[in-house]
Structure formats: structure tokens, C-alpha cells
N, C-alpha and C. Protein backbone atom coordinates (compact mmCIF):
# COMPACT_ATOMS: atom_id res chain seq x y z
N MET A 1 -6.30 -18.80 10.06
CA MET A 1 -7.31 -17.54 8.89
C MET A 1 -7.47 -18.64 7.75
N ALA A 2 -8.33 -18.56 7.22
CA ALA A 2 -8.28 -19.75 6.14
C ALA A 2 -7.97 -18.91 4.71
N LEU A 3 -7.46 -19.38 3.79
CA LEU A 3 -7.07 -18.59 2.62
C LEU A 3 -8.43 -19.08 1.61
N PRO A 4 -8.56 -17.72 1.04
CA PRO A 4 -9.91 -18.24 -0.28
C PRO A 4 -9.43 -19.14 -1.32
N GLY A 5 -10.42 -19.99 -1.59
CA GLY A 5 -9.78 -20.84 -2.89
C GLY A 5 -8.67 -21.88 -2.62
N ILE A 6 -8.68 -22.44 -3.48
CA ILE A 6 -7.31 -23.53 -3.05
C ILE A 6 -6.31 -22.97 -3.89
N LEU A 7 -5.00 -23.26 -3.31
CA LEU A 7 -3.88 -22.28 -3.91
C LEU A 7 -2.95 -23.84 -4.46
N GLN A 8 -2.26 -23.80 -6.01
CA GLN A 8 -1.86 -24.60 -6.14
C GLN A 8 -0.28 -24.20 -6.55
N TYR A 9 0.56 -25.37 -6.33
CA TYR A 9 2.21 -24.74 -6.15
C TYR A 9 3.03 -26.32 -7.21
N GLN A 10 3.78 -25.84 -7.87
CA GLN A 10 4.61 -27.01 -8.69
C GLN A 10 5.60 -27.26 -7.30
N VAL A 11 5.67 -28.58 -7.41
CA VAL A 11 6.90 -29.44 -6.83
C VAL A 11 7.66 -29.75 -7.60
N ALA A 12 8.70 -29.87 -7.27
CA ALA A 12 9.88 -30.81 -8.03
C ALA A 12 10.14 -31.42 -7.02
N PHE A 13 10.77 -32.86 -7.43
CA PHE A 13 11.17 -33.87 -6.49
C PHE A 13 12.95 -34.16 -7.39
N THR A 14 13.94 -34.41 -6.36
CA THR A 14 15.09 -34.83 -6.65
C THR A 14 15.33 -35.95 -6.07
N ARG A 15 16.52 -36.51 -6.16
CA ARG A 15 17.08 -37.85 -4.97
C ARG A 15 18.87 -36.91 -4.60
N ASP A 16 18.71 -37.30 -3.25
CA ASP A 16 19.99 -36.23 -2.52
C ASP A 16 21.18 -37.91 -2.95
N PRO A 17 22.27 -37.65 -3.88
CA PRO A 17 22.66 -38.54 -4.25
C PRO A 17 23.81 -39.39 -3.25
N GLU A 18 24.11 -38.52 -1.79
CA GLU A 18 24.77 -38.55 -0.78
C GLU A 18 23.85 -39.42 0.13
N THR A 19 22.83 -39.15 0.34
CA THR A 19 21.65 -39.94 0.99
C THR A 19 21.20 -40.58 0.69
N ALA A 20 20.13 -40.75 -0.42
CA ALA A 20 19.12 -41.48 -1.48
C ALA A 20 18.11 -40.78 -1.02
N SER A 21 18.00 -39.72 -0.11
CA SER A 21 16.65 -39.32 -0.34
C SER A 21 16.00 -38.57 -1.12
N VAL A 22 14.57 -38.78 -0.68
CA VAL A 22 13.91 -37.81 -1.80
C VAL A 22 13.88 -36.58 -1.31
N VAL A 23 14.04 -35.18 -2.43
CA VAL A 23 14.04 -33.78 -1.77
C VAL A 23 13.19 -33.72 -2.37
N ALA A 24 11.94 -32.84 -1.95
CA ALA A 24 10.54 -32.08 -2.27
C ALA A 24 10.65 -30.61 -2.32
N GLU A 25 10.77 -30.07 -3.61
CA GLU A 25 10.55 -28.58 -3.53
C GLU A 25 9.98 -27.66 -3.90
N ILE A 26 9.52 -26.42 -3.21
CA ILE A 26 8.57 -25.87 -3.72
C ILE A 26 9.15 -24.29 -4.22
N PRO A 27 9.54 -24.27 -5.40
CA PRO A 27 10.56 -23.25 -6.11
C PRO A 27 9.87 -21.53 -5.70
N ALA A 28 8.39 -21.41 -6.02
CA ALA A 28 7.80 -20.15 -5.79
C ALA A 28 7.64 -19.98 -4.45
N LEU A 29 7.84 -20.66 -3.33
CA LEU A 29 8.09 -20.42 -2.10
C LEU A 29 9.38 -20.56 -1.17
N GLN A 30 10.42 -21.07 -2.18
CA GLN A 30 11.63 -21.10 -1.90
C GLN A 30 11.56 -22.04 -0.56
N ILE A 31 10.84 -23.34 -0.41
CA ILE A 31 10.98 -24.22 0.35
C ILE A 31 10.98 -25.62 0.37
N ALA A 32 11.83 -26.31 1.03
CA ALA A 32 12.01 -27.70 0.71
C ALA A 32 12.18 -28.78 2.22
N ASP A 33 11.89 -29.85 1.58
CA ASP A 33 11.88 -30.78 2.65
C ASP A 33 12.14 -32.35 2.24
N PHE A 34 12.60 -33.07 2.85
CA PHE A 34 13.21 -34.51 2.03
C PHE A 34 12.13 -35.54 2.90
N GLY A 35 12.76 -36.56 2.09
CA GLY A 35 12.18 -38.02 2.72
C GLY A 35 12.57 -39.33 2.65
N ALA A 36 12.41 -40.67 2.98
CA ALA A 36 13.15 -41.98 2.41
C ALA A 36 12.30 -42.05 1.11
N ASP A 37 10.99 -41.99 0.93
CA ASP A 37 10.42 -41.47 -0.78
C ASP A 37 9.36 -41.00 -1.02
N VAL A 38 8.85 -40.55 -2.14
CA VAL A 38 8.27 -39.45 -2.47
C VAL A 38 6.75 -39.30 -1.73
N PRO A 39 6.36 -40.00 -1.36
CA PRO A 39 4.93 -39.67 -0.30
C PRO A 39 5.86 -39.07 0.93
N GLU A 40 6.49 -39.95 1.48
CA GLU A 40 7.06 -39.40 2.95
C GLU A 40 7.57 -37.83 2.67
N ALA A 41 8.31 -37.47 1.44
CA ALA A 41 8.95 -35.99 1.28
C ALA A 41 7.73 -35.34 1.38
N LEU A 42 6.79 -35.74 0.22
CA LEU A 42 5.54 -34.89 0.04
C LEU A 42 4.84 -34.43 1.23
N ASP A 43 4.42 -35.44 2.15
CA ASP A 43 3.68 -35.35 3.47
C ASP A 43 4.60 -34.10 4.27
N ARG A 44 5.62 -34.04 4.37
CA ARG A 44 6.75 -33.40 5.18
C ARG A 44 6.59 -31.91 4.43
N LEU A 45 6.58 -31.90 3.30
CA LEU A 45 6.80 -30.70 2.34
C LEU A 45 5.25 -29.82 2.40
N GLN A 46 4.02 -30.33 2.89
CA GLN A 46 3.12 -30.07 2.85
C GLN A 46 2.90 -29.39 4.11
N SER A 47 3.28 -30.15 5.07
CA SER A 47 3.75 -29.56 6.38
C SER A 47 4.00 -28.03 6.68
N VAL A 48 5.73 -28.20 6.08
CA VAL A 48 6.11 -26.71 5.78
C VAL A 48 5.55 -25.69 5.03
N ALA A 49 4.95 -26.07 3.79
CA ALA A 49 4.13 -24.98 3.33
C ALA A 49 2.95 -24.38 4.11
N THR A 50 2.34 -25.38 4.82
CA THR A 50 1.19 -24.82 5.67
C THR A 50 1.51 -23.86 6.23
N PHE A 51 2.73 -24.35 7.35
CA PHE A 51 3.58 -23.71 8.05
C PHE A 51 3.90 -22.00 7.61
N HIS A 52 4.65 -22.48 6.72
CA HIS A 52 4.98 -21.28 5.88
C HIS A 52 3.81 -19.91 5.63
N LEU A 53 3.14 -20.94 4.90
CA LEU A 53 1.44 -19.63 4.36
C LEU A 53 1.36 -19.35 5.52
N ASP A 54 0.47 -20.25 6.49
CA ASP A 54 0.25 -19.25 7.66
C ASP A 54 0.88 -18.15 8.35
N CYS A 55 2.17 -18.45 8.20
CA CYS A 55 3.26 -17.38 8.84
C CYS A 55 3.05 -15.87 8.07
N LEU A 56 3.07 -15.98 6.74
CA LEU A 56 2.80 -15.28 5.95
C LEU A 56 1.44 -14.39 6.00
N ILE A 57 0.31 -14.91 6.26
CA ILE A 57 -1.08 -14.66 6.37
C ILE A 57 -0.99 -13.81 8.02
N GLN A 58 -0.53 -14.52 8.94
CA GLN A 58 -0.32 -13.52 9.93
C GLN A 58 0.63 -12.52 10.12
N GLU A 59 1.43 -12.33 9.26
CA GLU A 59 2.55 -11.05 9.10
C GLU A 59 2.09 -10.25 8.19
N GLY A 60 0.87 -10.31 7.74
CA GLY A 60 0.26 -9.59 6.62
C GLY A 60 1.16 -9.60 5.98
N LYS A 61 1.71 -10.85 5.00
CA LYS A 61 2.86 -9.99 3.70
C LYS A 61 2.06 -10.72 2.78
N PRO A 62 2.21 -10.85 1.59
CA PRO A 62 1.65 -11.44 0.30
C PRO A 62 1.88 -12.88 0.37
N VAL A 63 0.90 -13.36 -0.13
CA VAL A 63 0.93 -14.86 -0.63
C VAL A 63 1.52 -15.50 -1.93
N PRO A 64 2.61 -15.62 -2.25
CA PRO A 64 2.66 -15.99 -3.67
C PRO A 64 1.78 -16.74 -4.15
């Protein structure tokens, strides 16, 4: 099921001091993922966000 319009979320990036991985987080959705660099972390986060939002829609829950 497609969402009407385009959703925009703020993404926060940090670097894990122990692994040097870049952590990308969408605070509004309370999801995060990581990668070796910003593009990889963002790509992985986009996949997680798509899955998360699809699940919310399928369960009939509100999309933040």
C-alpha cells in the first residue's frame, strides 16, 4: 500500500567510538542502523524505515 505524498524525517548521524561505524537514526520512528560511512548507513536506514512504515500501515497503526 502506497503512502499519500512524501514523508520526511530528520536523520541524525553519529560515529560509534568503539567501532568507528557511522550510526544513522530517525528519532521520530525510534529506528537506527549503521554502516562504514554515511552513504552506507543512510542506505541501510532507508531499508529499515521502509520496512517499519510498511508494517505500521499493514497493522493499521498511525504513521508518525
